[in-house]
Amino acid sequence: MATQEPTTALQVKALKALEMSTKMIEVAFKLLKQGNVIEAKRLQRKARAQRNLSVRLFALASGAEMPTHDGSTYLPDSATQPDITLGGRVHR
């Protein structure tokens, strides 16, 4: 029972990140319709980072490890901040 509390907390954080990502995508879509392509792309990148955070938090909550592009596994260092991706590489 003691392990469910941290798992539940991770799931709550994952859901919040997913909700934030969804809201960002909705706003990005509205910006795109208005012709603001640059801001829409910026917001889309932030939404993708939030979505990635959500997936990783759900994986942590379920005890799974995330595979990386080189076949190794990855668990995030921090459950509170998404990775910052630049040029397809993860920078911490």
C-alpha atoms as a PDB file:
ATOM      1  CA  MET A   1       0.000   0.000   0.000  1.00  0.00           C
ATOM      2  CA  ALA A   2       2.889   2.382   0.687  1.00  0.00           C
ATOM      3  CA  THR A   3       4.082   2.124  -2.937  1.00  0.00           C
ATOM      4  CA  GLN A   4       0.714   3.273  -4.291  1.00  0.00           C
ATOM      5  CA  GLU A   5       1.032   6.774  -2.854  1.00  0.00           C
ATOM      6  CA  PRO A   6       4.122   7.695  -4.925  1.00  0.00           C
ATOM      7  CA  THR A   7       2.604   5.935  -7.934  1.00  0.00           C
ATOM      8  CA  THR A   8      -0.605   7.925  -7.551  1.00  0.00           C
ATOM      9  CA  ALA A   9       1.368  11.158  -7.232  1.00  0.00           C
ATOM     10  CA  LEU A  10       3.264  10.351 -10.433  1.00  0.00           C
ATOM     11  CA  GLN A  11       0.011   9.572 -12.220  1.00  0.00           C
ATOM     12  CA  VAL A  12      -1.475  12.892 -11.088  1.00  0.00           C
ATOM     13  CA  LYS A  13       1.604  14.763 -12.340  1.00  0.00           C
ATOM     14  CA  ALA A  14       1.432  12.826 -15.618  1.00  0.00           C
ATOM     15  CA  LEU A  15      -2.234  13.744 -16.091  1.00  0.00           C
ATOM     16  CA  LYS A  16      -1.514  17.408 -15.383  1.00  0.00           C
ATOM     17  CA  ALA A  17       1.302  17.404 -17.935  1.00  0.00           C
ATOM     18  CA  LEU A  18      -0.999  15.735 -20.464  1.00  0.00           C
ATOM     19  CA  GLU A  19      -3.748  18.290 -19.840  1.00  0.00           C
ATOM     20  CA  MET A  20      -1.265  21.151 -20.204  1.00  0.00           C
ATOM     21  CA  SER A  21       0.012  19.654 -23.451  1.00  0.00           C
ATOM     22  CA  THR A  22      -3.508  19.378 -24.817  1.00  0.00           C
ATOM     23  CA  LYS A  23      -4.273  23.004 -23.952  1.00  0.00           C
ATOM     24  CA  MET A  24      -1.034  24.128 -25.598  1.00  0.00           C
ATOM     25  CA  ILE A  25      -1.907  22.246 -28.780  1.00  0.00           C
ATOM     26  CA  GLU A  26      -5.362  23.836 -28.844  1.00  0.00           C
ATOM     27  CA  VAL A  27      -3.852  27.311 -28.501  1.00  0.00           C
ATOM     28  CA  ALA A  28      -1.201  26.502 -31.120  1.00  0.00           C
ATOM     29  CA  PHE A  29      -3.946  25.457 -33.527  1.00  0.00           C
ATOM     30  CA  LYS A  30      -5.775  28.751 -32.965  1.00  0.00           C
ATOM     31  CA  LEU A  31      -2.547  30.675 -33.539  1.00  0.00           C
ATOM     32  CA  LEU A  32      -1.927  28.733 -36.737  1.00  0.00           C
ATOM     33  CA  LYS A  33      -5.425  29.555 -37.994  1.00  0.00           C
ATOM     34  CA  GLN A  34      -4.669  33.236 -37.321  1.00  0.00           C
ATOM     35  CA  GLY A  35      -1.478  32.978 -39.361  1.00  0.00           C
ATOM     36  CA  ASN A  36       1.001  33.153 -36.488  1.00  0.00           C
ATOM     37  CA  VAL A  37       3.110  30.218 -37.641  1.00  0.00           C
ATOM     38  CA  ILE A  38       6.230  31.006 -35.614  1.00  0.00           C
ATOM     39  CA  GLU A  39       4.420  31.196 -32.280  1.00  0.00           C
ATOM     40  CA  ALA A  40       2.326  28.138 -33.150  1.00  0.00           C
ATOM     41  CA  LYS A  41       5.479  26.094 -33.814  1.00  0.00           C
ATOM     42  CA  ARG A  42       7.066  27.304 -30.569  1.00  0.00           C
ATOM     43  CA  LEU A  43       3.998  26.304 -28.600  1.00  0.00           C
ATOM     44  CA  GLN A  44       3.823  22.968 -30.415  1.00  0.00           C
ATOM     45  CA  ARG A  45       7.397  22.192 -29.318  1.00  0.00           C
ATOM     46  CA  LYS A  46       6.524  23.037 -25.706  1.00  0.00           C
ATOM     47  CA  ALA A  47       3.418  20.849 -25.955  1.00  0.00           C
ATOM     48  CA  ARG A  48       5.514  17.962 -27.256  1.00  0.00           C
ATOM     49  CA  ALA A  49       7.897  18.325 -24.297  1.00  0.00           C
ATOM     50  CA  GLN A  50       4.919  18.200 -21.909  1.00  0.00           C
ATOM     51  CA  ARG A  51       3.543  15.147 -23.705  1.00  0.00           C
ATOM     52  CA  ASN A  52       6.936  13.428 -23.425  1.00  0.00           C
ATOM     53  CA  LEU A  53       7.023  14.261 -19.725  1.00  0.00           C
ATOM     54  CA  SER A  54       3.566  12.763 -19.304  1.00  0.00           C
ATOM     55  CA  VAL A  55       4.588   9.532 -21.032  1.00  0.00           C
ATOM     56  CA  ARG A  56       7.718   9.225 -18.913  1.00  0.00           C
ATOM     57  CA  LEU A  57       5.837   9.886 -15.681  1.00  0.00           C
ATOM     58  CA  PHE A  58       3.238   7.267 -16.549  1.00  0.00           C
ATOM     59  CA  ALA A  59       6.092   4.870 -17.312  1.00  0.00           C
ATOM     60  CA  LEU A  60       7.688   5.606 -13.946  1.00  0.00           C
ATOM     61  CA  ALA A  61       4.350   5.095 -12.209  1.00  0.00           C
ATOM     62  CA  SER A  62       3.955   1.707 -13.853  1.00  0.00           C
ATOM     63  CA  GLY A  63       7.576   0.725 -13.192  1.00  0.00           C
ATOM     64  CA  ALA A  64       8.529   0.672 -16.868  1.00  0.00           C
ATOM     65  CA  GLU A  65      11.706   2.062 -18.333  1.00  0.00           C
ATOM     66  CA  MET A  66      11.654   4.133 -21.508  1.00  0.00           C
ATOM     67  CA  PRO A  67      13.753   2.938 -24.476  1.00  0.00           C
ATOM     68  CA  THR A  68      15.986   5.538 -26.124  1.00  0.00           C
ATOM     69  CA  HIS A  69      17.147   5.926 -29.713  1.00  0.00           C
ATOM     70  CA  ASP A  70      20.318   3.925 -29.037  1.00  0.00           C
ATOM     71  CA  GLY A  71      18.467   0.952 -27.529  1.00  0.00           C
ATOM     72  CA  SER A  72      19.350   1.715 -23.913  1.00  0.00           C
ATOM     73  CA  THR A  73      16.724   2.609 -21.337  1.00  0.00           C
ATOM     74  CA  TYR A  74      16.057   5.991 -19.814  1.00  0.00           C
ATOM     75  CA  LEU A  75      14.367   7.201 -16.668  1.00  0.00           C
ATOM     76  CA  PRO A  76      14.125  10.970 -16.182  1.00  0.00           C
ATOM     77  CA  ASP A  77      16.242  12.619 -13.508  1.00  0.00           C
ATOM     78  CA  SER A  78      13.398  14.889 -12.513  1.00  0.00           C
ATOM     79  CA  ALA A  79       9.686  14.168 -12.327  1.00  0.00           C
ATOM     80  CA  THR A  80       8.898  17.877 -12.457  1.00  0.00           C
ATOM     81  CA  GLN A  81      10.549  19.241 -15.608  1.00  0.00           C
ATOM     82  CA  PRO A  82      10.360  18.061 -19.209  1.00  0.00           C
ATOM     83  CA  ASP A  83      13.461  17.454 -21.269  1.00  0.00           C
ATOM     84  CA  ILE A  84      14.632  20.282 -23.451  1.00  0.00           C
ATOM     85  CA  THR A  85      15.203  18.925 -26.922  1.00  0.00           C
ATOM     86  CA  LEU A  86      17.360  20.744 -29.434  1.00  0.00           C
ATOM     87  CA  GLY A  87      18.076  19.239 -32.800  1.00  0.00           C
ATOM     88  CA  GLY A  88      16.707  15.853 -31.799  1.00  0.00           C
ATOM     89  CA  ARG A  89      19.114  15.422 -28.899  1.00  0.00           C
ATOM     90  CA  VAL A  90      18.221  15.590 -25.238  1.00  0.00           C
ATOM     91  CA  HIS A  91      20.122  18.226 -23.268  1.00  0.00           C
ATOM     92  CA  ARG A  92      20.065  18.340 -19.471  1.00  0.00           C
END
